[in-house]
Amino acid sequence: MNIPTADFATILDRAADSTDRPSADVLKAALQAAELAARKDKLAIPFGSLRGEWRLCFATGASKDQQRGGIKLGRGYYLPKFTPASITFTQQADSIEGTVTNRLLVGSIQIQFSGPCRYPGKKNLLAFDFTEIQFKILGVKVYQGKIRSGKRGQRNFAKLSVASLPFFAFFWASEQGIAARGRGGGLALWVRD
């Protein structure tokens, strides 16, 4: 399905509106059109456009396509509002460094991952590493601890290359939403609530 370049922003904005969302296939095509336009126009998205809390609205998985030697996108799906997943980006005063926090609420249980992030601006790549985990039940913290390399990893984070870290390659940002391709090849759309 081909989406004209002028129409992808309208479709992405519509997806943020829970009353009149486009089908998963239409949204997936719009995300791909936005990514292609961003690459063609060499779109530069400032770190400030990503700051704040965003609810995951839509995601696709991806798998390797053996026949074509590339990535094959999964169908894609909208995440229900009753199991919200969100991501928050903060920036250290006019720096390329900040923090990322990823939260998932399932019933009364909240799982939160957090750690450092870096947004050098090249190709709109935001590299990150989750170094802490926290669990809450009914809003009460029941566990918080380091994961993987913890404190040591945060100190070494600045020295690691983007190629060795998880990352998002952002290709669309507006007041209503942001969209990116993950390191694994899947696409995601986050929206402001």
C-alpha atoms as a PDB file:
ATOM      1  CA  MET A   1       0.000   0.000   0.000  1.00  0.00           C
ATOM      2  CA  ASN A   2       1.479   3.338  -1.060  1.00  0.00           C
ATOM      3  CA  ILE A   3       0.740   6.394   1.040  1.00  0.00           C
ATOM      4  CA  PRO A   4       1.380   9.774  -0.616  1.00  0.00           C
ATOM      5  CA  THR A   5       4.033  11.701   1.283  1.00  0.00           C
ATOM      6  CA  ALA A   6       1.641  14.545   2.091  1.00  0.00           C
ATOM      7  CA  ASP A   7      -0.844  12.157   3.730  1.00  0.00           C
ATOM      8  CA  PHE A   8       1.324  10.231   6.201  1.00  0.00           C
ATOM      9  CA  ALA A   9       1.287  13.019   8.832  1.00  0.00           C
ATOM     10  CA  THR A  10      -2.518  13.168   8.739  1.00  0.00           C
ATOM     11  CA  ILE A  11      -2.730   9.395   9.204  1.00  0.00           C
ATOM     12  CA  LEU A  12      -0.196   9.410  12.061  1.00  0.00           C
ATOM     13  CA  ASP A  13      -2.097  12.218  13.792  1.00  0.00           C
ATOM     14  CA  ARG A  14      -5.377  10.287  13.323  1.00  0.00           C
ATOM     15  CA  ALA A  15      -3.804   7.236  14.967  1.00  0.00           C
ATOM     16  CA  ALA A  16      -3.217   9.308  18.105  1.00  0.00           C
ATOM     17  CA  ASP A  17      -6.964   9.945  18.271  1.00  0.00           C
ATOM     18  CA  SER A  18      -8.570   6.868  19.804  1.00  0.00           C
ATOM     19  CA  THR A  19     -11.966   7.589  18.203  1.00  0.00           C
ATOM     20  CA  ASP A  20     -11.046   7.441  14.510  1.00  0.00           C
ATOM     21  CA  ARG A  21      -7.927   5.302  14.135  1.00  0.00           C
ATOM     22  CA  PRO A  22      -6.816   4.001  10.742  1.00  0.00           C
ATOM     23  CA  SER A  23      -6.420   0.259  10.219  1.00  0.00           C
ATOM     24  CA  ALA A  24      -3.144  -1.374  11.231  1.00  0.00           C
ATOM     25  CA  ASP A  25      -2.176  -1.832   7.556  1.00  0.00           C
ATOM     26  CA  VAL A  26      -2.825   1.822   6.722  1.00  0.00           C
ATOM     27  CA  LEU A  27      -0.884   3.004   9.787  1.00  0.00           C
ATOM     28  CA  LYS A  28       2.034   0.690   9.032  1.00  0.00           C
ATOM     29  CA  ALA A  29       2.187   2.067   5.462  1.00  0.00           C
ATOM     30  CA  ALA A  30       2.054   5.643   6.809  1.00  0.00           C
ATOM     31  CA  LEU A  31       4.929   4.917   9.200  1.00  0.00           C
ATOM     32  CA  GLN A  32       6.990   3.525   6.343  1.00  0.00           C
ATOM     33  CA  ALA A  33       6.160   6.582   4.180  1.00  0.00           C
ATOM     34  CA  ALA A  34       7.186   8.913   7.037  1.00  0.00           C
ATOM     35  CA  GLU A  35      10.458   7.030   7.460  1.00  0.00           C
ATOM     36  CA  LEU A  36      11.196   7.213   3.731  1.00  0.00           C
ATOM     37  CA  ALA A  37      10.410  10.957   3.622  1.00  0.00           C
ATOM     38  CA  ALA A  38      12.617  11.633   6.669  1.00  0.00           C
ATOM     39  CA  ARG A  39      15.519   9.780   5.077  1.00  0.00           C
ATOM     40  CA  LYS A  40      15.022  11.489   1.700  1.00  0.00           C
ATOM     41  CA  ASP A  41      14.763  14.973   3.254  1.00  0.00           C
ATOM     42  CA  LYS A  42      17.545  14.287   5.799  1.00  0.00           C
ATOM     43  CA  LEU A  43      15.132  15.332   8.544  1.00  0.00           C
ATOM     44  CA  ALA A  44      16.851  16.404  11.770  1.00  0.00           C
ATOM     45  CA  ILE A  45      14.751  15.919  14.907  1.00  0.00           C
ATOM     46  CA  PRO A  46      16.073  17.835  17.943  1.00  0.00           C
ATOM     47  CA  PHE A  47      16.312  16.032  21.299  1.00  0.00           C
ATOM     48  CA  GLY A  48      13.851  18.578  22.720  1.00  0.00           C
ATOM     49  CA  SER A  49      11.101  17.184  20.450  1.00  0.00           C
ATOM     50  CA  LEU A  50      11.415  13.785  22.159  1.00  0.00           C
ATOM     51  CA  ARG A  51      11.408  14.979  25.769  1.00  0.00           C
ATOM     52  CA  GLY A  52       8.453  14.073  27.930  1.00  0.00           C
ATOM     53  CA  GLU A  53       6.228  11.066  28.494  1.00  0.00           C
ATOM     54  CA  TRP A  54       4.748   9.183  25.543  1.00  0.00           C
ATOM     55  CA  ARG A  55       2.229   6.315  25.564  1.00  0.00           C
ATOM     56  CA  LEU A  56       2.961   3.468  23.166  1.00  0.00           C
ATOM     57  CA  CYS A  57       0.081   3.484  20.706  1.00  0.00           C
ATOM     58  CA  PHE A  58       1.140   1.114  17.936  1.00  0.00           C
ATOM     59  CA  ALA A  59       3.987  -1.328  17.331  1.00  0.00           C
ATOM     60  CA  THR A  60       5.106  -3.856  14.747  1.00  0.00           C
ATOM     61  CA  GLY A  61       7.475  -6.700  15.221  1.00  0.00           C
ATOM     62  CA  ALA A  62      10.086  -7.580  12.641  1.00  0.00           C
ATOM     63  CA  SER A  63      11.821 -10.695  11.440  1.00  0.00           C
ATOM     64  CA  LYS A  64      14.632 -11.399   9.019  1.00  0.00           C
ATOM     65  CA  ASP A  65      13.465 -12.050   5.478  1.00  0.00           C
ATOM     66  CA  GLN A  66      15.749 -14.798   4.177  1.00  0.00           C
ATOM     67  CA  GLN A  67      14.565 -14.534   0.560  1.00  0.00           C
ATOM     68  CA  ARG A  68      14.998 -10.768   0.245  1.00  0.00           C
ATOM     69  CA  GLY A  69      17.951 -10.389   2.614  1.00  0.00           C
ATOM     70  CA  GLY A  70      16.260  -7.708   4.714  1.00  0.00           C
ATOM     71  CA  ILE A  71      13.658  -7.139   7.402  1.00  0.00           C
ATOM     72  CA  LYS A  72      10.031  -8.211   7.179  1.00  0.00           C
ATOM     73  CA  LEU A  73       7.614  -6.210   9.317  1.00  0.00           C
ATOM     74  CA  GLY A  74       4.948  -7.952  11.341  1.00  0.00           C
ATOM     75  CA  ARG A  75       1.272  -7.007  11.054  1.00  0.00           C
ATOM     76  CA  GLY A  76       1.350  -4.374  13.747  1.00  0.00           C
ATOM     77  CA  TYR A  77      -1.161  -3.752  16.490  1.00  0.00           C
ATOM     78  CA  TYR A  78      -2.621  -1.001  18.606  1.00  0.00           C
ATOM     79  CA  LEU A  79      -1.933  -1.311  22.321  1.00  0.00           C
ATOM     80  CA  PRO A  80      -5.048  -1.157  24.488  1.00  0.00           C
ATOM     81  CA  LYS A  81      -5.341   1.797  26.854  1.00  0.00           C
ATOM     82  CA  PHE A  82      -6.136  -0.514  29.792  1.00  0.00           C
ATOM     83  CA  THR A  83      -2.557  -1.901  29.720  1.00  0.00           C
ATOM     84  CA  PRO A  84      -0.605   1.280  29.131  1.00  0.00           C
ATOM     85  CA  ALA A  85       3.041   1.185  28.162  1.00  0.00           C
ATOM     86  CA  SER A  86       4.907   4.469  28.151  1.00  0.00           C
ATOM     87  CA  ILE A  87       8.364   5.822  27.571  1.00  0.00           C
ATOM     88  CA  THR A  88       9.824   9.009  29.029  1.00  0.00           C
ATOM     89  CA  PHE A  89      12.876  10.856  27.779  1.00  0.00           C
ATOM     90  CA  THR A  90      14.621  13.520  29.854  1.00  0.00           C
ATOM     91  CA  GLN A  91      17.593  15.583  28.761  1.00  0.00           C
ATOM     92  CA  GLN A  92      20.446  16.900  30.895  1.00  0.00           C
ATOM     93  CA  ALA A  93      20.689  20.690  30.405  1.00  0.00           C
ATOM     94  CA  ASP A  94      21.414  21.238  26.688  1.00  0.00           C
ATOM     95  CA  SER A  95      23.348  17.972  26.517  1.00  0.00           C
ATOM     96  CA  ILE A  96      23.142  14.960  24.209  1.00  0.00           C
ATOM     97  CA  GLU A  97      22.762  12.794  27.327  1.00  0.00           C
ATOM     98  CA  GLY A  98      19.700  12.064  29.405  1.00  0.00           C
ATOM     99  CA  THR A  99      17.625   9.275  30.882  1.00  0.00           C
ATOM    100  CA  VAL A 100      15.011   6.936  29.494  1.00  0.00           C
ATOM    101  CA  THR A 101      12.244   5.290  31.508  1.00  0.00           C
ATOM    102  CA  ASN A 102       9.987   2.573  30.131  1.00  0.00           C
ATOM    103  CA  ARG A 103       6.826   1.665  32.121  1.00  0.00           C
ATOM    104  CA  LEU A 104       4.280  -1.085  31.663  1.00  0.00           C
ATOM    105  CA  LEU A 105       1.129  -1.362  33.758  1.00  0.00           C
ATOM    106  CA  VAL A 106      -0.596  -4.745  33.854  1.00  0.00           C
ATOM    107  CA  GLY A 107      -3.572  -4.671  36.192  1.00  0.00           C
ATOM    108  CA  SER A 108      -2.250  -3.415  39.517  1.00  0.00           C
ATOM    109  CA  ILE A 109       1.405  -4.249  38.731  1.00  0.00           C
ATOM    110  CA  GLN A 110       3.767  -1.644  37.292  1.00  0.00           C
ATOM    111  CA  ILE A 111       7.140  -2.650  35.861  1.00  0.00           C
ATOM    112  CA  GLN A 112       9.630   0.114  35.157  1.00  0.00           C
ATOM    113  CA  PHE A 113      13.026   0.010  33.445  1.00  0.00           C
ATOM    114  CA  SER A 114      15.301   3.054  33.441  1.00  0.00           C
ATOM    115  CA  GLY A 115      18.811   4.050  32.481  1.00  0.00           C
ATOM    116  CA  PRO A 116      20.964   6.469  30.521  1.00  0.00           C
ATOM    117  CA  CYS A 117      20.357   7.567  26.952  1.00  0.00           C
ATOM    118  CA  ARG A 118      22.365   9.518  24.408  1.00  0.00           C
ATOM    119  CA  TYR A 119      21.077  11.465  21.397  1.00  0.00           C
ATOM    120  CA  PRO A 120      24.033  12.681  19.330  1.00  0.00           C
ATOM    121  CA  GLY A 121      21.679  13.828  16.555  1.00  0.00           C
ATOM    122  CA  LYS A 122      23.270  11.777  13.784  1.00  0.00           C
ATOM    123  CA  LYS A 123      20.524   9.989  11.866  1.00  0.00           C
ATOM    124  CA  ASN A 124      18.149  10.811  14.760  1.00  0.00           C
ATOM    125  CA  LEU A 125      19.485   7.818  16.720  1.00  0.00           C
ATOM    126  CA  LEU A 126      18.761   7.644  20.441  1.00  0.00           C
ATOM    127  CA  ALA A 127      20.959   4.986  22.095  1.00  0.00           C
ATOM    128  CA  PHE A 128      19.997   3.744  25.543  1.00  0.00           C
ATOM    129  CA  ASP A 129      20.668   1.099  28.161  1.00  0.00           C
ATOM    130  CA  PHE A 130      18.347  -0.045  30.916  1.00  0.00           C
ATOM    131  CA  THR A 131      20.344  -0.380  34.128  1.00  0.00           C
ATOM    132  CA  GLU A 132      17.600  -0.328  36.811  1.00  0.00           C
ATOM    133  CA  ILE A 133      14.303  -2.124  37.332  1.00  0.00           C
ATOM    134  CA  GLN A 134      11.457  -1.335  39.681  1.00  0.00           C
ATOM    135  CA  PHE A 135       8.229  -3.177  40.549  1.00  0.00           C
ATOM    136  CA  LYS A 136       5.170  -1.579  42.137  1.00  0.00           C
ATOM    137  CA  ILE A 137       1.962  -3.239  43.240  1.00  0.00           C
ATOM    138  CA  LEU A 138      -1.010  -0.932  43.766  1.00  0.00           C
ATOM    139  CA  GLY A 139       1.407   2.004  43.587  1.00  0.00           C
ATOM    140  CA  VAL A 140       3.646   0.675  46.380  1.00  0.00           C
ATOM    141  CA  LYS A 141       7.272  -0.036  45.465  1.00  0.00           C
ATOM    142  CA  VAL A 142       8.057  -3.679  46.272  1.00  0.00           C
ATOM    143  CA  TYR A 143      11.429  -3.992  44.542  1.00  0.00           C
ATOM    144  CA  GLN A 144      14.089  -1.768  42.994  1.00  0.00           C
ATOM    145  CA  GLY A 145      17.494  -2.939  41.850  1.00  0.00           C
ATOM    146  CA  LYS A 146      20.244  -2.859  39.277  1.00  0.00           C
ATOM    147  CA  ILE A 147      20.098  -5.002  36.180  1.00  0.00           C
ATOM    148  CA  ARG A 148      22.926  -6.151  33.964  1.00  0.00           C
ATOM    149  CA  SER A 149      25.865  -3.875  34.605  1.00  0.00           C
ATOM    150  CA  GLY A 150      24.011  -1.403  36.862  1.00  0.00           C
ATOM    151  CA  LYS A 151      26.209   1.439  38.154  1.00  0.00           C
ATOM    152  CA  ARG A 152      29.285   0.225  36.295  1.00  0.00           C
ATOM    153  CA  GLY A 153      27.298   0.253  33.058  1.00  0.00           C
ATOM    154  CA  GLN A 154      26.112   3.815  33.584  1.00  0.00           C
ATOM    155  CA  ARG A 155      29.696   5.012  33.968  1.00  0.00           C
ATOM    156  CA  ASN A 156      30.797   3.170  30.813  1.00  0.00           C
ATOM    157  CA  PHE A 157      27.696   4.109  28.795  1.00  0.00           C
ATOM    158  CA  ALA A 158      29.256   7.261  27.320  1.00  0.00           C
ATOM    159  CA  LYS A 159      32.181   5.220  25.963  1.00  0.00           C
ATOM    160  CA  LEU A 160      30.037   2.614  24.192  1.00  0.00           C
ATOM    161  CA  SER A 161      29.325   2.958  20.491  1.00  0.00           C
ATOM    162  CA  VAL A 162      25.732   3.236  19.296  1.00  0.00           C
ATOM    163  CA  ALA A 163      26.286   0.005  17.327  1.00  0.00           C
ATOM    164  CA  SER A 164      26.707  -1.924  20.596  1.00  0.00           C
ATOM    165  CA  LEU A 165      23.581  -0.488  22.281  1.00  0.00           C
ATOM    166  CA  PRO A 166      19.833  -0.723  21.806  1.00  0.00           C
ATOM    167  CA  PHE A 167      18.558   2.329  19.916  1.00  0.00           C
ATOM    168  CA  PHE A 168      15.596   4.016  18.282  1.00  0.00           C
ATOM    169  CA  ALA A 169      15.972   5.742  14.913  1.00  0.00           C
ATOM    170  CA  PHE A 170      13.334   8.504  15.042  1.00  0.00           C
ATOM    171  CA  PHE A 171      11.770   9.652  11.799  1.00  0.00           C
ATOM    172  CA  TRP A 172       8.686  11.632  12.843  1.00  0.00           C
ATOM    173  CA  ALA A 173       7.941  14.019  15.690  1.00  0.00           C
ATOM    174  CA  SER A 174       4.995  16.332  16.289  1.00  0.00           C
ATOM    175  CA  GLU A 175       3.098  17.690  19.273  1.00  0.00           C
ATOM    176  CA  GLN A 176       0.829  14.621  19.100  1.00  0.00           C
ATOM    177  CA  GLY A 177       3.366  11.844  18.634  1.00  0.00           C
ATOM    178  CA  ILE A 178       6.775  10.439  17.807  1.00  0.00           C
ATOM    179  CA  ALA A 179       7.699   7.459  15.636  1.00  0.00           C
ATOM    180  CA  ALA A 180      10.841   5.364  15.341  1.00  0.00           C
ATOM    181  CA  ARG A 181      12.336   2.133  14.114  1.00  0.00           C
ATOM    182  CA  GLY A 182      13.996   0.029  16.789  1.00  0.00           C
ATOM    183  CA  ARG A 183      17.301  -1.751  16.487  1.00  0.00           C
ATOM    184  CA  GLY A 184      15.442  -5.019  15.821  1.00  0.00           C
ATOM    185  CA  GLY A 185      13.678  -3.484  12.812  1.00  0.00           C
ATOM    186  CA  GLY A 186      10.170  -2.984  14.233  1.00  0.00           C
ATOM    187  CA  LEU A 187       8.266   0.288  14.028  1.00  0.00           C
ATOM    188  CA  ALA A 188       6.603   2.124  16.922  1.00  0.00           C
ATOM    189  CA  LEU A 189       4.310   5.116  17.355  1.00  0.00           C
ATOM    190  CA  TRP A 190       4.021   6.846  20.722  1.00  0.00           C
ATOM    191  CA  VAL A 191       1.426   9.523  21.499  1.00  0.00           C
ATOM    192  CA  ARG A 192       0.862  12.138  24.175  1.00  0.00           C
ATOM    193  CA  ASP A 193      -2.118  11.569  26.404  1.00  0.00           C
END
